[in-house]
Amino acid sequence: MRKIVKQSLIFIIIISLFLAITSCRDSADDSAEFQQETRLEAKEKTNESKEKSSENDKSSQSEKTSKQEKKDNTSKESKSNSEETDTNIQRNTSKGASVDNQKAKTETTRATTVPTTTTTAPTTQAIAPPTTTAAPTTQATTMVRVSLSVDCSAAVNAGNETAKAISNNGVILGSAAYELNPGSTVYDLIMNSGLTVGARGGYIYSIQSLGEFDVNGRGGWYYYVNGVRPSYGVDQYVLQPGDHVSFQYTLDY
């Protein structure tokens, strides 16, 4: 019985030692892997920092290069401007010197040259003969001399009070002479006669307040030229010298 107990204890101790050794190996392996991973991360960070620093160095280097190029260009431009200014100054100076030399030569020539006097013979100015302007000729306008008479005897004989008030014997205007411009019409004559005339579109409908249809709904004005009644309106008949125009009030209107 004691042997069995001892053997079991020994067996337990051996197993526990084996387990302890195994666990130590596992932990050692884990720690080794952890250290390996830590080293790899550190390397990666180091590489990233190196790349960033190289990029920063490159950018700073490029900025320095561009600044240097700008400075060089500015210095070149200033040098070229100064050279152009110096050239212009030298040109102006040389021009001024040449002008001064030319003036000095001119003054010397004037001092050594003897002035000569020239006399010119007086010129006689030709006098043009007076021009005569012809007086404007006035073209004589031949006026058209005509005569006019106005009669309302028919209305007076019919007992129309308006006609009686105008004239007892029916004669409103005897044979009166008028002078008109060439081309004047019968309408121009009656409208410039001094009488009170009612007209509508070249049509005479009343003279001295005696109008058409005033005698019991009848009556109106006709015109005659040299005793003949034209067949067209008063504004279309062109008068000739010596024409006699007569306006007559008739009940057969």
Protein backbone atom coordinates (compact mmCIF):
# COMPACT_ATOMS: atom_id res chain seq x y z
CA MET A 1 0.00 0.00 0.00
CA ARG A 2 2.73 2.47 0.85
CA LYS A 3 4.50 1.59 -2.40
CA ILE A 4 1.44 2.42 -4.41
CA VAL A 5 1.09 5.78 -2.66
CA LYS A 6 4.73 6.62 -3.28
CA GLN A 7 4.48 5.62 -6.91
CA SER A 8 1.39 7.77 -7.39
CA LEU A 9 3.08 10.76 -5.74
CA ILE A 10 6.11 10.33 -7.94
CA PHE A 11 3.89 10.13 -10.97
CA ILE A 12 2.08 13.31 -9.96
CA ILE A 13 5.34 15.14 -9.38
CA ILE A 14 6.67 14.06 -12.78
CA ILE A 15 3.48 15.24 -14.54
CA SER A 16 3.50 18.60 -12.74
CA LEU A 17 7.17 19.08 -13.66
CA PHE A 18 6.39 18.24 -17.26
CA LEU A 19 3.55 20.72 -17.28
CA ALA A 20 5.70 23.38 -15.69
CA ILE A 21 8.43 22.87 -18.29
CA THR A 22 5.90 22.97 -21.11
CA SER A 23 4.32 26.17 -19.82
CA CYS A 24 7.74 27.77 -19.51
CA ARG A 25 8.51 26.87 -23.10
CA ASP A 26 5.18 28.29 -24.31
CA SER A 27 5.70 31.53 -22.41
CA ALA A 28 9.23 31.74 -23.76
CA ASP A 29 7.94 31.23 -27.29
CA ASP A 30 5.21 33.85 -26.73
CA SER A 31 7.69 36.35 -25.36
CA ALA A 32 10.01 35.70 -28.29
CA GLU A 33 7.19 36.25 -30.78
CA PHE A 34 6.12 39.45 -28.93
CA GLN A 35 9.67 40.74 -29.02
CA GLN A 36 9.89 39.90 -32.72
CA GLU A 37 6.66 41.77 -33.46
CA THR A 38 7.83 44.74 -31.39
CA ARG A 39 11.06 44.85 -33.31
CA LEU A 40 9.20 44.77 -36.66
CA GLU A 41 6.88 47.63 -35.60
CA ALA A 42 9.85 49.66 -34.44
CA LYS A 43 11.57 49.09 -37.80
CA GLU A 44 8.44 50.13 -39.70
CA LYS A 45 8.10 53.32 -37.63
CA THR A 46 11.76 54.05 -38.17
CA ASN A 47 11.38 53.58 -41.94
CA GLU A 48 8.29 55.85 -41.99
CA SER A 49 10.09 58.57 -40.06
CA LYS A 50 13.04 58.27 -42.44
CA GLU A 51 10.76 58.59 -45.46
CA LYS A 52 9.01 61.63 -43.97
CA SER A 53 12.30 63.28 -43.15
CA SER A 54 13.57 62.58 -46.68
CA GLU A 55 10.38 64.06 -48.17
CA ASN A 56 10.69 67.12 -45.93
CA ASP A 57 14.32 67.47 -46.94
CA LYS A 58 13.39 67.22 -50.62
CA SER A 59 10.60 69.84 -50.29
CA SER A 60 12.82 72.21 -48.36
CA GLN A 61 15.54 71.68 -50.92
CA SER A 62 13.13 72.43 -53.81
CA GLU A 63 11.86 75.57 -52.01
CA LYS A 64 15.43 76.70 -51.48
CA THR A 65 16.20 76.04 -55.14
CA SER A 66 13.13 78.04 -56.35
CA LYS A 67 13.99 80.91 -54.01
CA GLN A 68 17.51 80.91 -55.27
CA GLU A 69 16.31 80.92 -58.89
CA LYS A 70 13.98 83.85 -58.18
CA LYS A 71 16.85 85.75 -56.57
CA ASP A 72 19.05 85.00 -59.57
CA ASN A 73 16.36 86.15 -62.01
CA THR A 74 15.75 89.32 -59.99
CA SER A 75 19.43 90.10 -59.89
CA LYS A 76 19.68 89.45 -63.65
CA GLU A 77 16.74 91.77 -64.36
CA SER A 78 18.18 94.51 -62.16
CA LYS A 79 21.53 94.11 -63.88
CA SER A 80 19.93 94.30 -67.35
CA ASN A 81 17.89 97.37 -66.31
CA SER A 82 20.96 99.07 -64.91
CA GLU A 83 22.91 98.22 -68.07
CA GLU A 84 20.12 99.67 -70.24
CA THR A 85 20.02 102.79 -68.07
CA ASP A 86 23.77 103.20 -68.36
CA THR A 87 23.56 102.73 -72.13
CA ASN A 88 20.79 105.34 -72.43
CA ILE A 89 22.75 107.76 -70.28
CA GLN A 90 25.83 107.26 -72.43
CA ARG A 91 23.76 107.79 -75.60
CA ASN A 92 22.12 110.94 -74.23
CA THR A 93 25.50 112.21 -73.12
CA SER A 94 27.03 111.57 -76.52
CA LYS A 95 24.02 113.21 -78.21
CA GLY A 96 24.29 116.25 -75.93
CA ALA A 97 28.00 116.51 -76.68
CA SER A 98 27.40 116.27 -80.42
CA VAL A 99 24.65 118.92 -80.22
CA ASP A 100 26.97 121.25 -78.27
CA ASN A 101 29.72 120.71 -80.84
CA GLN A 102 27.31 121.43 -83.65
CA LYS A 103 26.14 124.65 -81.96
CA ALA A 104 29.73 125.74 -81.44
CA LYS A 105 30.52 125.12 -85.12
CA THR A 106 27.42 127.05 -86.20
CA GLU A 107 28.29 130.04 -84.01
CA THR A 108 31.87 130.03 -85.34
CA THR A 109 30.59 129.98 -88.92
CA ARG A 110 28.23 132.86 -88.20
CA ALA A 111 31.05 134.90 -86.62
CA THR A 112 33.37 134.42 -89.61
CA THR A 113 30.71 134.95 -92.31
CA VAL A 114 30.30 138.53 -93.53
CA PRO A 115 26.61 139.44 -93.74
CA THR A 116 25.43 140.37 -97.20
CA THR A 117 22.54 142.70 -97.88
CA THR A 118 20.18 142.01 -100.72
CA THR A 119 17.74 144.50 -102.13
CA THR A 120 14.61 143.41 -103.88
CA ALA A 121 12.83 145.53 -106.37
CA PRO A 122 9.36 146.62 -105.28
CA THR A 123 6.64 144.56 -106.81
CA THR A 124 3.61 146.23 -108.28
CA GLN A 125 0.31 144.65 -107.38
CA ALA A 126 -2.00 144.30 -110.30
CA ILE A 127 -5.34 145.94 -109.66
CA ALA A 128 -8.23 143.96 -111.03
CA PRO A 129 -10.94 145.92 -112.82
CA PRO A 130 -14.09 146.45 -110.80
CA THR A 131 -16.71 143.81 -111.29
CA THR A 132 -20.25 144.81 -111.88
CA THR A 133 -22.97 142.73 -110.33
CA ALA A 134 -26.17 142.59 -112.23
CA ALA A 135 -29.24 143.50 -110.26
CA PRO A 136 -31.58 140.59 -109.69
CA THR A 137 -34.32 140.53 -112.20
CA THR A 138 -37.82 140.29 -110.83
CA GLN A 139 -40.13 138.27 -112.94
CA ALA A 140 -43.42 140.04 -113.30
CA THR A 141 -46.31 137.84 -112.21
CA THR A 142 -49.37 138.37 -114.37
CA MET A 143 -52.40 138.35 -112.14
CA VAL A 144 -55.70 136.89 -113.32
CA ARG A 145 -58.39 139.58 -113.36
CA VAL A 146 -61.94 138.23 -113.04
CA SER A 147 -65.35 139.45 -111.82
CA LEU A 148 -67.95 138.04 -109.42
CA SER A 149 -71.64 138.55 -108.74
CA VAL A 150 -74.03 136.92 -106.23
CA ASP A 151 -77.84 136.91 -106.61
CA CYS A 152 -80.70 135.51 -104.45
CA SER A 153 -83.72 137.02 -106.26
CA ALA A 154 -85.51 133.67 -106.40
CA ALA A 155 -85.53 133.39 -102.59
CA VAL A 156 -86.66 137.02 -102.18
CA ASN A 157 -89.51 136.54 -104.67
CA ALA A 158 -90.53 133.39 -102.75
CA GLY A 159 -90.89 135.53 -99.60
CA ASN A 160 -87.94 134.08 -97.66
CA GLU A 161 -87.25 136.37 -94.73
CA THR A 162 -83.52 135.51 -94.61
CA ALA A 163 -83.13 136.50 -98.25
CA LYS A 164 -85.06 139.73 -97.68
CA ALA A 165 -82.85 140.59 -94.71
CA ILE A 166 -79.78 140.11 -96.87
CA SER A 167 -81.04 142.15 -99.85
CA ASN A 168 -84.43 143.69 -100.74
CA ASN A 169 -83.86 143.42 -104.48
CA GLY A 170 -82.07 140.06 -104.30
CA VAL A 171 -78.63 141.34 -105.32
CA ILE A 172 -76.09 140.36 -102.68
CA LEU A 173 -73.06 141.41 -104.72
CA GLY A 174 -72.98 143.25 -108.02
CA SER A 175 -70.29 142.66 -110.61
CA ALA A 176 -67.08 143.18 -108.58
CA ALA A 177 -63.55 142.80 -109.99
CA TYR A 178 -60.88 140.66 -108.33
CA GLU A 179 -57.23 139.87 -109.07
CA LEU A 180 -56.06 136.35 -108.29
CA ASN A 181 -52.86 134.39 -108.75
CA PRO A 182 -52.56 132.25 -111.85
CA GLY A 183 -54.10 128.83 -111.35
CA SER A 184 -56.78 130.07 -108.94
CA THR A 185 -60.17 128.36 -109.01
CA VAL A 186 -63.76 129.49 -108.52
CA TYR A 187 -63.49 128.19 -104.96
CA ASP A 188 -60.50 130.52 -104.33
CA LEU A 189 -62.51 133.43 -105.73
CA ILE A 190 -65.62 133.00 -103.58
CA MET A 191 -63.59 132.27 -100.44
CA ASN A 192 -61.57 135.49 -100.93
CA SER A 193 -64.55 137.64 -101.87
CA GLY A 194 -65.15 138.97 -98.34
CA LEU A 195 -68.57 137.32 -98.09
CA THR A 196 -69.64 134.86 -95.41
CA VAL A 197 -69.41 131.52 -97.17
CA GLY A 198 -70.22 128.05 -95.91
CA ALA A 199 -68.20 125.37 -97.69
CA ARG A 200 -67.83 121.66 -97.29
CA GLY A 201 -65.20 119.77 -99.28
CA GLY A 202 -65.22 122.25 -102.19
CA TYR A 203 -69.01 122.48 -102.13
CA ILE A 204 -70.71 125.84 -101.41
CA TYR A 205 -73.87 125.31 -99.35
CA SER A 206 -74.51 128.84 -97.99
CA ILE A 207 -73.68 132.48 -98.79
CA GLN A 208 -74.48 135.29 -96.33
CA SER A 209 -76.46 132.85 -94.10
CA LEU A 210 -78.77 131.79 -96.92
CA GLY A 211 -78.31 128.06 -97.21
CA GLU A 212 -79.68 125.18 -99.18
CA PHE A 213 -83.27 124.03 -98.53
CA ASP A 214 -84.02 127.26 -96.63
CA VAL A 215 -87.08 128.13 -98.80
CA ASN A 216 -89.72 125.65 -97.66
CA GLY A 217 -87.26 122.78 -97.99
CA ARG A 218 -86.15 123.88 -101.40
CA GLY A 219 -83.33 125.88 -102.91
CA GLY A 220 -79.60 125.92 -103.28
CA TRP A 221 -76.62 127.66 -104.91
CA TYR A 222 -75.44 127.16 -108.49
CA TYR A 223 -72.44 128.85 -110.09
CA TYR A 224 -71.98 129.98 -113.67
CA VAL A 225 -68.89 131.03 -115.62
CA ASN A 226 -69.56 133.42 -118.49
CA GLY A 227 -73.25 132.41 -118.38
CA VAL A 228 -72.57 128.65 -118.54
CA ARG A 229 -73.03 126.25 -115.61
CA PRO A 230 -70.03 123.85 -115.44
CA SER A 231 -70.59 120.21 -114.69
CA TYR A 232 -67.88 119.93 -111.99
CA GLY A 233 -67.14 121.47 -108.61
CA VAL A 234 -65.94 124.99 -107.84
CA ASP A 235 -62.57 123.69 -106.59
CA GLN A 236 -61.80 122.16 -110.02
CA TYR A 237 -62.60 125.05 -112.34
CA VAL A 238 -59.42 127.10 -113.04
CA LEU A 239 -60.17 130.73 -113.89
CA GLN A 240 -58.83 132.54 -116.95
CA PRO A 241 -58.32 136.30 -117.31
CA GLY A 242 -61.64 138.08 -118.02
CA ASP A 243 -63.89 135.29 -116.67
CA HIS A 244 -67.13 136.37 -115.02
CA VAL A 245 -68.40 134.12 -112.19
CA SER A 246 -71.99 134.32 -110.98
CA PHE A 247 -73.53 132.56 -107.98
CA GLN A 248 -77.31 132.29 -108.11
CA TYR A 249 -79.78 130.89 -105.60
CA THR A 250 -82.34 128.68 -107.38
CA LEU A 251 -85.45 126.85 -106.20
CA ASP A 252 -84.96 124.08 -108.78
CA TYR A 253 -82.06 122.70 -106.75
